[in-house]
């Protein structure tokens, strides 16, 4: 049981820095063509096209970890905003965004 507590604390501690690194990685996509994003990330899990032509491409990831019989789940949902064929922004949420 003590080992599980150590693992959970380590995961939470590592997660403190991870979102910033993930944000920096996503920022490199801003200004790049949508086609390049899809070539690298694959087809999005969901997409939405607004009336003004703006597209939202969403990628979801779920990972499960087994820590001495306890199943831990990590999730990350990343959405890219695409306007006129170029990535113009992004957002993300979840404990597995790194």
Protein backbone atom coordinates (compact mmCIF):
# COMPACT_ATOMS: atom_id res chain seq x y z
CA UNK A 1 0.00 0.00 0.00
CA UNK A 2 2.85 2.36 0.80
CA UNK A 3 4.18 1.76 -2.71
CA UNK A 4 0.87 2.89 -4.24
CA UNK A 5 0.99 6.14 -2.29
CA UNK A 6 4.55 6.76 -3.51
CA UNK A 7 3.53 6.08 -7.14
CA UNK A 8 0.51 8.38 -6.94
CA UNK A 9 2.56 11.18 -5.36
CA UNK A 10 5.26 10.75 -8.01
CA UNK A 11 2.66 10.91 -10.80
CA UNK A 12 1.09 14.03 -9.34
CA UNK A 13 4.46 15.69 -8.86
CA UNK A 14 5.52 14.90 -12.41
CA UNK A 15 2.20 16.24 -13.64
CA UNK A 16 2.92 19.67 -12.19
CA UNK A 17 5.52 20.41 -14.87
CA UNK A 18 3.99 18.34 -17.67
CA UNK A 19 1.17 20.68 -18.73
CA UNK A 20 3.61 23.50 -19.48
CA UNK A 21 5.80 21.24 -21.62
CA UNK A 22 2.70 19.94 -23.39
CA UNK A 23 1.53 23.53 -24.01
CA UNK A 24 4.93 24.38 -25.51
CA UNK A 25 4.72 21.34 -27.80
CA UNK A 26 1.23 22.29 -28.97
CA UNK A 27 2.29 25.89 -29.54
CA UNK A 28 4.70 24.68 -32.26
CA UNK A 29 1.63 23.72 -34.33
CA UNK A 30 0.20 27.25 -34.42
CA UNK A 31 0.58 28.63 -37.94
CA UNK A 32 1.11 25.23 -39.54
CA UNK A 33 -1.25 23.72 -42.13
CA UNK A 34 -4.09 21.49 -40.98
CA UNK A 35 -2.83 18.81 -43.37
CA UNK A 36 0.53 18.68 -41.55
CA UNK A 37 -1.24 18.28 -38.20
CA UNK A 38 -3.39 15.42 -39.48
CA UNK A 39 -0.38 13.78 -41.14
CA UNK A 40 1.43 13.78 -37.78
CA UNK A 41 -1.44 13.18 -35.32
CA UNK A 42 -3.71 11.11 -37.56
CA UNK A 43 -7.41 11.61 -38.10
CA UNK A 44 -9.06 13.41 -35.18
CA UNK A 45 -11.43 11.53 -32.90
CA UNK A 46 -14.03 14.24 -33.48
CA UNK A 47 -14.24 17.37 -35.59
CA UNK A 48 -16.63 20.29 -35.83
CA UNK A 49 -17.06 22.96 -38.51
CA UNK A 50 -18.62 26.27 -37.47
CA UNK A 51 -20.70 28.39 -39.84
CA UNK A 52 -17.73 30.73 -40.33
CA UNK A 53 -15.56 27.82 -41.55
CA UNK A 54 -13.55 27.45 -38.36
CA UNK A 55 -12.79 23.81 -37.60
CA UNK A 56 -12.16 22.19 -34.23
CA UNK A 57 -10.18 18.94 -34.34
CA UNK A 58 -10.23 16.93 -31.11
CA UNK A 59 -7.91 14.10 -30.14
CA UNK A 60 -8.60 11.99 -27.05
CA UNK A 61 -6.25 9.62 -25.28
CA UNK A 62 -6.95 7.28 -22.38
CA UNK A 63 -4.25 5.22 -20.67
CA UNK A 64 -4.69 2.74 -17.86
CA UNK A 65 -1.98 1.89 -15.34
CA UNK A 66 -1.94 -1.04 -12.95
CA UNK A 67 -0.24 -0.27 -9.64
CA UNK A 68 -0.36 -3.39 -7.46
CA UNK A 69 -3.89 -4.23 -8.49
CA UNK A 70 -5.15 -0.65 -8.45
CA UNK A 71 -6.13 0.61 -11.89
CA UNK A 72 -5.25 4.26 -12.49
CA UNK A 73 -6.65 6.04 -15.55
CA UNK A 74 -4.97 8.91 -17.35
CA UNK A 75 -6.86 11.04 -19.86
CA UNK A 76 -5.96 13.82 -22.28
CA UNK A 77 -8.27 15.67 -24.65
CA UNK A 78 -6.58 18.08 -27.06
CA UNK A 79 -8.49 20.37 -29.40
CA UNK A 80 -6.90 22.36 -32.22
CA UNK A 81 -8.62 25.38 -33.75
CA UNK A 82 -8.14 25.62 -37.52
CA UNK A 83 -8.99 28.71 -39.55
CA UNK A 84 -8.44 29.04 -43.31
CA UNK A 85 -6.49 25.77 -43.32
CA UNK A 86 -4.01 26.78 -40.59
CA UNK A 87 -3.83 25.92 -36.89
CA UNK A 88 -4.61 29.10 -34.96
CA UNK A 89 -5.03 27.83 -31.41
CA UNK A 90 -5.46 24.88 -29.11
CA UNK A 91 -6.77 23.78 -25.73
CA UNK A 92 -6.30 20.69 -23.63
CA UNK A 93 -7.53 19.08 -20.46
CA UNK A 94 -6.73 15.98 -18.47
CA UNK A 95 -4.09 14.41 -16.27
CA UNK A 96 -2.32 12.63 -19.15
CA UNK A 97 -1.49 15.72 -21.20
CA UNK A 98 2.27 15.58 -21.38
